[in-house]
PDB file of all heavy atoms in Angstrom:
ATOM      1  N   ASP A   1     159.071 -38.942  65.722  1.00  0.00           N
ATOM      2  CA  ASP A   1     157.836 -38.581  66.219  1.00  0.00           C
ATOM      3  C   ASP A   1     156.943 -39.781  66.548  1.00  0.00           C
ATOM      4  O   ASP A   1     156.975 -40.833  65.856  1.00  0.00           O
ATOM      5  CB  ASP A   1     157.074 -37.709  65.177  1.00  0.00           C
ATOM      6  CG  ASP A   1     157.566 -36.328  64.968  1.00  0.00           C
ATOM      7  OD1 ASP A   1     158.503 -35.939  65.633  1.00  0.00           O
ATOM      8  OD2 ASP A   1     156.987 -35.549  64.169  1.00  0.00           O
ATOM      9  N   ARG A   2     156.265 -39.646  67.633  1.00  0.00           N
ATOM     10  CA  ARG A   2     155.356 -40.773  68.059  1.00  0.00           C
ATOM     11  C   ARG A   2     154.009 -40.109  68.483  1.00  0.00           C
ATOM     12  O   ARG A   2     154.017 -38.918  69.048  1.00  0.00           O
ATOM     13  CB  ARG A   2     155.885 -41.602  69.146  1.00  0.00           C
ATOM     14  CG  ARG A   2     157.186 -42.481  68.744  1.00  0.00           C
ATOM     15  CD  ARG A   2     156.653 -43.617  67.913  1.00  0.00           C
ATOM     16  NE  ARG A   2     157.812 -44.474  67.508  1.00  0.00           N
ATOM     17  CZ  ARG A   2     158.350 -44.621  66.366  1.00  0.00           C
ATOM     18  NH1 ARG A   2     157.861 -43.703  65.417  1.00  0.00           N
ATOM     19  NH2 ARG A   2     159.321 -45.384  66.071  1.00  0.00           N
ATOM     20  N   THR A   3     152.892 -40.797  68.305  1.00  0.00           N
ATOM     21  CA  THR A   3     151.639 -40.265  68.674  1.00  0.00           C
ATOM     22  C   THR A   3     151.159 -40.972  70.038  1.00  0.00           C
ATOM     23  O   THR A   3     151.161 -42.172  70.145  1.00  0.00           O
ATOM     24  CB  THR A   3     150.585 -40.570  67.582  1.00  0.00           C
ATOM     25  OG1 THR A   3     150.918 -39.937  66.461  1.00  0.00           O
ATOM     26  CG2 THR A   3     149.196 -40.021  68.074  1.00  0.00           C
ATOM     27  N   TRP A   4     150.843 -40.184  71.073  1.00  0.00           N
ATOM     28  CA  TRP A   4     150.309 -40.625  72.271  1.00  0.00           C
ATOM     29  C   TRP A   4     148.838 -40.194  72.395  1.00  0.00           C
ATOM     30  O   TRP A   4     148.458 -39.209  71.872  1.00  0.00           O
ATOM     31  CB  TRP A   4     151.035 -40.098  73.460  1.00  0.00           C
ATOM     32  CG  TRP A   4     152.443 -40.774  73.738  1.00  0.00           C
ATOM     33  CD1 TRP A   4     153.143 -41.420  72.903  1.00  0.00           C
ATOM     34  CD2 TRP A   4     153.151 -40.694  74.983  1.00  0.00           C
ATOM     35  NE1 TRP A   4     154.289 -41.857  73.515  1.00  0.00           N
ATOM     36  CE2 TRP A   4     154.304 -41.536  74.811  1.00  0.00           C
ATOM     37  CE3 TRP A   4     152.816 -40.244  76.225  1.00  0.00           C
ATOM     38  CZ2 TRP A   4     155.217 -41.660  75.786  1.00  0.00           C
ATOM     39  CZ3 TRP A   4     153.728 -40.392  77.264  1.00  0.00           C
ATOM     40  CH2 TRP A   4     155.023 -41.119  77.033  1.00  0.00           C
ATOM     41  N   ILE A   5     148.080 -40.932  73.093  1.00  0.00           N
ATOM     42  CA  ILE A   5     146.628 -40.707  73.379  1.00  0.00           C
ATOM     43  C   ILE A   5     146.480 -40.268  74.855  1.00  0.00           C
ATOM     44  O   ILE A   5     146.872 -41.037  75.681  1.00  0.00           O
ATOM     45  CB  ILE A   5     145.708 -41.906  73.051  1.00  0.00           C
ATOM     46  CG1 ILE A   5     145.933 -42.354  71.553  1.00  0.00           C
ATOM     47  CG2 ILE A   5     144.260 -41.583  73.313  1.00  0.00           C
ATOM     48  CD1 ILE A   5     145.169 -43.611  71.221  1.00  0.00           C
ATOM     49  N   ASP A   6     146.046 -39.079  75.033  1.00  0.00           N
ATOM     50  CA  ASP A   6     145.925 -38.612  76.496  1.00  0.00           C
ATOM     51  C   ASP A   6     144.797 -39.252  77.200  1.00  0.00           C
ATOM     52  O   ASP A   6     143.968 -39.946  76.665  1.00  0.00           O
ATOM     53  CB  ASP A   6     145.944 -37.041  76.555  1.00  0.00           C
ATOM     54  CG  ASP A   6     144.718 -36.502  76.051  1.00  0.00           C
ATOM     55  OD1 ASP A   6     143.701 -37.236  75.890  1.00  0.00           O
ATOM     56  OD2 ASP A   6     144.688 -35.262  75.700  1.00  0.00           O
ATOM     57  N   LYS A   7     144.603 -38.910  78.411  1.00  0.00           N
ATOM     58  CA  LYS A   7     143.568 -39.538  79.279  1.00  0.00           C
ATOM     59  C   LYS A   7     142.212 -39.155  78.928  1.00  0.00           C
ATOM     60  O   LYS A   7     141.243 -39.766  79.248  1.00  0.00           O
ATOM     61  CB  LYS A   7     143.840 -39.132  80.729  1.00  0.00           C
ATOM     62  CG  LYS A   7     143.953 -37.529  80.982  1.00  0.00           C
ATOM     63  CD  LYS A   7     144.381 -37.297  82.340  1.00  0.00           C
ATOM     64  CE  LYS A   7     144.675 -35.758  82.463  1.00  0.00           C
ATOM     65  NZ  LYS A   7     145.221 -35.409  83.915  1.00  0.00           N
ATOM     66  N   ASN A   8     142.077 -38.086  78.039  1.00  0.00           N
ATOM     67  CA  ASN A   8     140.802 -37.640  77.555  1.00  0.00           C
ATOM     68  C   ASN A   8     140.498 -38.189  76.132  1.00  0.00           C
ATOM     69  O   ASN A   8     139.447 -37.908  75.530  1.00  0.00           O
ATOM     70  CB  ASN A   8     140.677 -36.164  77.486  1.00  0.00           C
ATOM     71  CG  ASN A   8     140.806 -35.486  78.832  1.00  0.00           C
ATOM     72  OD1 ASN A   8     140.210 -36.036  79.790  1.00  0.00           O
ATOM     73  ND2 ASN A   8     141.623 -34.488  78.948  1.00  0.00           N
ATOM     74  N   GLY A   9     141.409 -38.993  75.590  1.00  0.00           N
ATOM     75  CA  GLY A   9     141.228 -39.575  74.338  1.00  0.00           C
ATOM     76  C   GLY A   9     141.786 -38.790  73.146  1.00  0.00           C
ATOM     77  O   GLY A   9     141.624 -39.147  71.967  1.00  0.00           O
ATOM     78  N   SER A  10     142.410 -37.593  73.414  1.00  0.00           N
ATOM     79  CA  SER A  10     142.924 -36.724  72.333  1.00  0.00           C
ATOM     80  C   SER A  10     144.328 -37.197  71.953  1.00  0.00           C
ATOM     81  O   SER A  10     145.059 -37.789  72.803  1.00  0.00           O
ATOM     82  CB  SER A  10     143.015 -35.260  72.802  1.00  0.00           C
ATOM     83  OG  SER A  10     141.706 -34.811  73.110  1.00  0.00           O
ATOM     84  N   ARG A  11     144.686 -37.051  70.709  1.00  0.00           N
ATOM     85  CA  ARG A  11     146.020 -37.451  70.149  1.00  0.00           C
ATOM     86  C   ARG A  11     147.002 -36.382  70.335  1.00  0.00           C
ATOM     87  O   ARG A  11     146.611 -35.198  69.992  1.00  0.00           O
ATOM     88  CB  ARG A  11     145.816 -37.970  68.679  1.00  0.00           C
ATOM     89  CG  ARG A  11     145.013 -39.220  68.654  1.00  0.00           C
ATOM     90  CD  ARG A  11     145.161 -39.844  67.228  1.00  0.00           C
ATOM     91  NE  ARG A  11     144.394 -41.167  67.102  1.00  0.00           N
ATOM     92  CZ  ARG A  11     144.752 -42.069  66.258  1.00  0.00           C
ATOM     93  NH1 ARG A  11     145.703 -41.947  65.431  1.00  0.00           N
ATOM     94  NH2 ARG A  11     144.049 -43.292  66.272  1.00  0.00           N
ATOM     95  N   HIS A  12     148.266 -36.717  70.691  1.00  0.00           N
ATOM     96  CA  HIS A  12     149.300 -35.715  70.724  1.00  0.00           C
ATOM     97  C   HIS A  12     150.568 -36.287  69.978  1.00  0.00           C
ATOM     98  O   HIS A  12     150.839 -37.509  70.146  1.00  0.00           O
ATOM     99  CB  HIS A  12     149.720 -35.461  72.243  1.00  0.00           C
ATOM    100  CG  HIS A  12     148.591 -34.845  73.035  1.00  0.00           C
ATOM    101  ND1 HIS A  12     148.666 -33.440  73.372  1.00  0.00           N
ATOM    102  CD2 HIS A  12     147.463 -35.304  73.570  1.00  0.00           C
ATOM    103  CE1 HIS A  12     147.526 -33.277  74.068  1.00  0.00           C
ATOM    104  NE2 HIS A  12     146.790 -34.284  74.245  1.00  0.00           N
ATOM    105  N   VAL A  13     151.127 -35.373  69.124  1.00  0.00           N
ATOM    106  CA  VAL A  13     152.324 -35.803  68.460  1.00  0.00           C
ATOM    107  C   VAL A  13     153.513 -35.364  69.376  1.00  0.00           C
ATOM    108  O   VAL A  13     153.665 -34.165  69.806  1.00  0.00           O
ATOM    109  CB  VAL A  13     152.383 -35.039  67.091  1.00  0.00           C
ATOM    110  CG1 VAL A  13     153.710 -35.445  66.438  1.00  0.00           C
ATOM    111  CG2 VAL A  13     151.241 -35.378  66.217  1.00  0.00           C
ATOM    112  N   ILE A  14     154.282 -36.330  69.729  1.00  0.00           N
ATOM    113  CA  ILE A  14     155.381 -36.153  70.635  1.00  0.00           C
ATOM    114  C   ILE A  14     156.730 -36.341  69.786  1.00  0.00           C
ATOM    115  O   ILE A  14     156.916 -37.327  69.153  1.00  0.00           O
ATOM    116  CB  ILE A  14     155.496 -37.154  71.755  1.00  0.00           C
ATOM    117  CG1 ILE A  14     154.133 -37.227  72.471  1.00  0.00           C
ATOM    118  CG2 ILE A  14     156.589 -36.730  72.814  1.00  0.00           C
ATOM    119  CD1 ILE A  14     153.603 -35.896  73.135  1.00  0.00           C
ATOM    120  N   ALA A  15     157.587 -35.252  69.804  1.00  0.00           N
ATOM    121  CA  ALA A  15     158.844 -35.330  69.057  1.00  0.00           C
ATOM    122  C   ALA A  15     159.897 -35.818  70.096  1.00  0.00           C
ATOM    123  O   ALA A  15     160.135 -35.113  71.080  1.00  0.00           O
ATOM    124  CB  ALA A  15     159.234 -33.884  68.523  1.00  0.00           C
ATOM    125  N   TRP A  16     160.490 -36.998  69.859  1.00  0.00           N
ATOM    126  CA  TRP A  16     161.464 -37.579  70.845  1.00  0.00           C
ATOM    127  C   TRP A  16     162.866 -37.499  70.172  1.00  0.00           C
ATOM    128  O   TRP A  16     163.147 -37.586  69.011  1.00  0.00           O
ATOM    129  CB  TRP A  16     161.110 -39.068  71.004  1.00  0.00           C
ATOM    130  CG  TRP A  16     159.808 -39.358  71.695  1.00  0.00           C
ATOM    131  CD1 TRP A  16     158.610 -39.671  71.167  1.00  0.00           C
ATOM    132  CD2 TRP A  16     159.720 -39.257  73.131  1.00  0.00           C
ATOM    133  NE1 TRP A  16     157.640 -39.749  72.207  1.00  0.00           N
ATOM    134  CE2 TRP A  16     158.273 -39.619  73.355  1.00  0.00           C
ATOM    135  CE3 TRP A  16     160.457 -39.029  74.174  1.00  0.00           C
ATOM    136  CZ2 TRP A  16     157.782 -39.659  74.738  1.00  0.00           C
ATOM    137  CZ3 TRP A  16     159.972 -39.087  75.480  1.00  0.00           C
ATOM    138  CH2 TRP A  16     158.614 -39.343  75.687  1.00  0.00           C
ATOM    139  N   THR A  17     163.734 -37.286  71.119  1.00  0.00           N
ATOM    140  CA  THR A  17     165.170 -37.424  70.860  1.00  0.00           C
ATOM    141  C   THR A  17     165.707 -38.611  71.862  1.00  0.00           C
ATOM    142  O   THR A  17     165.559 -38.478  73.017  1.00  0.00           O
ATOM    143  CB  THR A  17     166.032 -36.143  71.224  1.00  0.00           C
ATOM    144  OG1 THR A  17     165.509 -35.104  70.420  1.00  0.00           O
ATOM    145  CG2 THR A  17     167.538 -36.385  70.896  1.00  0.00           C
ATOM    146  N   VAL A  18     166.065 -39.701  71.179  1.00  0.00           N
ATOM    147  CA  VAL A  18     166.512 -40.872  71.949  1.00  0.00           C
ATOM    148  C   VAL A  18     168.014 -41.049  71.949  1.00  0.00           C
ATOM    149  O   VAL A  18     168.618 -41.039  70.845  1.00  0.00           O
ATOM    150  CB  VAL A  18     165.838 -42.169  71.380  1.00  0.00           C
ATOM    151  CG1 VAL A  18     166.171 -43.384  72.133  1.00  0.00           C
ATOM    152  CG2 VAL A  18     164.282 -41.948  71.326  1.00  0.00           C
ATOM    153  N   VAL A  19     168.619 -41.251  73.052  1.00  0.00           N
ATOM    154  CA  VAL A  19     170.049 -41.417  73.260  1.00  0.00           C
ATOM    155  C   VAL A  19     170.335 -42.776  73.850  1.00  0.00           C
ATOM    156  O   VAL A  19     169.643 -43.186  74.905  1.00  0.00           O
ATOM    157  CB  VAL A  19     170.639 -40.333  74.081  1.00  0.00           C
ATOM    158  CG1 VAL A  19     172.107 -40.435  74.166  1.00  0.00           C
ATOM    159  CG2 VAL A  19     170.429 -38.955  73.456  1.00  0.00           C
ATOM    160  N   ALA A  20     171.323 -43.484  73.433  1.00  0.00           N
ATOM    161  CA  ALA A  20     171.688 -44.790  74.026  1.00  0.00           C
ATOM    162  C   ALA A  20     172.829 -44.485  75.121  1.00  0.00           C
ATOM    163  O   ALA A  20     173.778 -43.791  74.833  1.00  0.00           O
ATOM    164  CB  ALA A  20     172.295 -45.720  73.018  1.00  0.00           C
ATOM    165  N   LEU A  21     172.511 -45.014  76.285  1.00  0.00           N
ATOM    166  CA  LEU A  21     173.510 -44.753  77.453  1.00  0.00           C
ATOM    167  C   LEU A  21     174.368 -46.099  77.554  1.00  0.00           C
ATOM    168  O   LEU A  21     173.738 -47.173  77.787  1.00  0.00           O
ATOM    169  CB  LEU A  21     172.753 -44.537  78.700  1.00  0.00           C
ATOM    170  CG  LEU A  21     173.555 -44.273  79.993  1.00  0.00           C
ATOM    171  CD1 LEU A  21     174.365 -42.865  79.744  1.00  0.00           C
ATOM    172  CD2 LEU A  21     172.654 -44.038  81.184  1.00  0.00           C
ATOM    173  N   ARG A  22     175.543 -46.070  77.446  1.00  0.00           N
ATOM    174  CA  ARG A  22     176.442 -47.161  77.387  1.00  0.00           C
ATOM    175  C   ARG A  22     177.309 -47.301  78.676  1.00  0.00           C
ATOM    176  O   ARG A  22     177.716 -46.340  79.314  1.00  0.00           O
ATOM    177  CB  ARG A  22     177.402 -47.124  76.139  1.00  0.00           C
ATOM    178  CG  ARG A  22     176.584 -47.372  74.875  1.00  0.00           C
ATOM    179  CD  ARG A  22     177.432 -47.161  73.590  1.00  0.00           C
ATOM    180  NE  ARG A  22     176.770 -47.735  72.459  1.00  0.00           N
ATOM    181  CZ  ARG A  22     175.933 -47.038  71.811  1.00  0.00           C
ATOM    182  NH1 ARG A  22     175.655 -45.826  72.122  1.00  0.00           N
ATOM    183  NH2 ARG A  22     175.381 -47.629  70.719  1.00  0.00           N
ATOM    184  N   ASP A  23     177.745 -48.583  78.905  1.00  0.00           N
ATOM    185  CA  ASP A  23     178.557 -48.821  80.070  1.00  0.00           C
ATOM    186  C   ASP A  23     180.041 -48.658  79.660  1.00  0.00           C
ATOM    187  O   ASP A  23     180.351 -48.336  78.515  1.00  0.00           O
ATOM    188  CB  ASP A  23     178.280 -50.083  80.748  1.00  0.00           C
ATOM    189  CG  ASP A  23     178.445 -51.360  79.757  1.00  0.00           C
ATOM    190  OD1 ASP A  23     179.087 -51.091  78.767  1.00  0.00           O
ATOM    191  OD2 ASP A  23     177.844 -52.477  80.030  1.00  0.00           O
ATOM    192  N   ALA A  24     180.897 -49.050  80.581  1.00  0.00           N
ATOM    193  CA  ALA A  24     182.328 -48.855  80.256  1.00  0.00           C
ATOM    194  C   ALA A  24     182.817 -49.801  79.166  1.00  0.00           C
ATOM    195  O   ALA A  24     183.805 -49.476  78.382  1.00  0.00           O
ATOM    196  CB  ALA A  24     183.167 -49.186  81.553  1.00  0.00           C
ATOM    197  N   ALA A  25     182.083 -50.893  78.910  1.00  0.00           N
ATOM    198  CA  ALA A  25     182.497 -51.795  77.790  1.00  0.00           C
ATOM    199  C   ALA A  25     181.893 -51.383  76.501  1.00  0.00           C
ATOM    200  O   ALA A  25     182.142 -51.977  75.437  1.00  0.00           O
ATOM    201  CB  ALA A  25     182.063 -53.231  78.259  1.00  0.00           C
ATOM    202  N   GLY A  26     181.016 -50.345  76.514  1.00  0.00           N
ATOM    203  CA  GLY A  26     180.413 -49.841  75.288  1.00  0.00           C
ATOM    204  C   GLY A  26     179.085 -50.559  75.010  1.00  0.00           C
ATOM    205  O   GLY A  26     178.572 -50.411  73.901  1.00  0.00           O
ATOM    206  N   THR A  27     178.581 -51.319  75.922  1.00  0.00           N
ATOM    207  CA  THR A  27     177.322 -51.991  75.743  1.00  0.00           C
ATOM    208  C   THR A  27     176.146 -51.077  76.197  1.00  0.00           C
ATOM    209  O   THR A  27     176.285 -50.431  77.257  1.00  0.00           O
ATOM    210  CB  THR A  27     177.212 -53.272  76.549  1.00  0.00           C
ATOM    211  OG1 THR A  27     178.373 -54.104  76.251  1.00  0.00           O
ATOM    212  CG2 THR A  27     175.918 -54.081  76.300  1.00  0.00           C
ATOM    213  N   THR A  28     175.088 -50.977  75.337  1.00  0.00           N
ATOM    214  CA  THR A  28     173.930 -50.205  75.690  1.00  0.00           C
ATOM    215  C   THR A  28     173.345 -50.676  76.852  1.00  0.00           C
ATOM    216  O   THR A  28     172.755 -51.880  76.803  1.00  0.00           O
ATOM    217  CB  THR A  28     173.070 -50.048  74.478  1.00  0.00           C
ATOM    218  OG1 THR A  28     173.746 -49.360  73.454  1.00  0.00           O
ATOM    219  CG2 THR A  28     171.897 -49.183  74.836  1.00  0.00           C
TER     220      THR A  28
END
């Protein structure tokens, strides 16, 4: 979870799913 502040100054809790995209060698 991360908190973002919108253009009006209100706070929003954002639930993120983060995935690493790798090349053929396995490097992110």
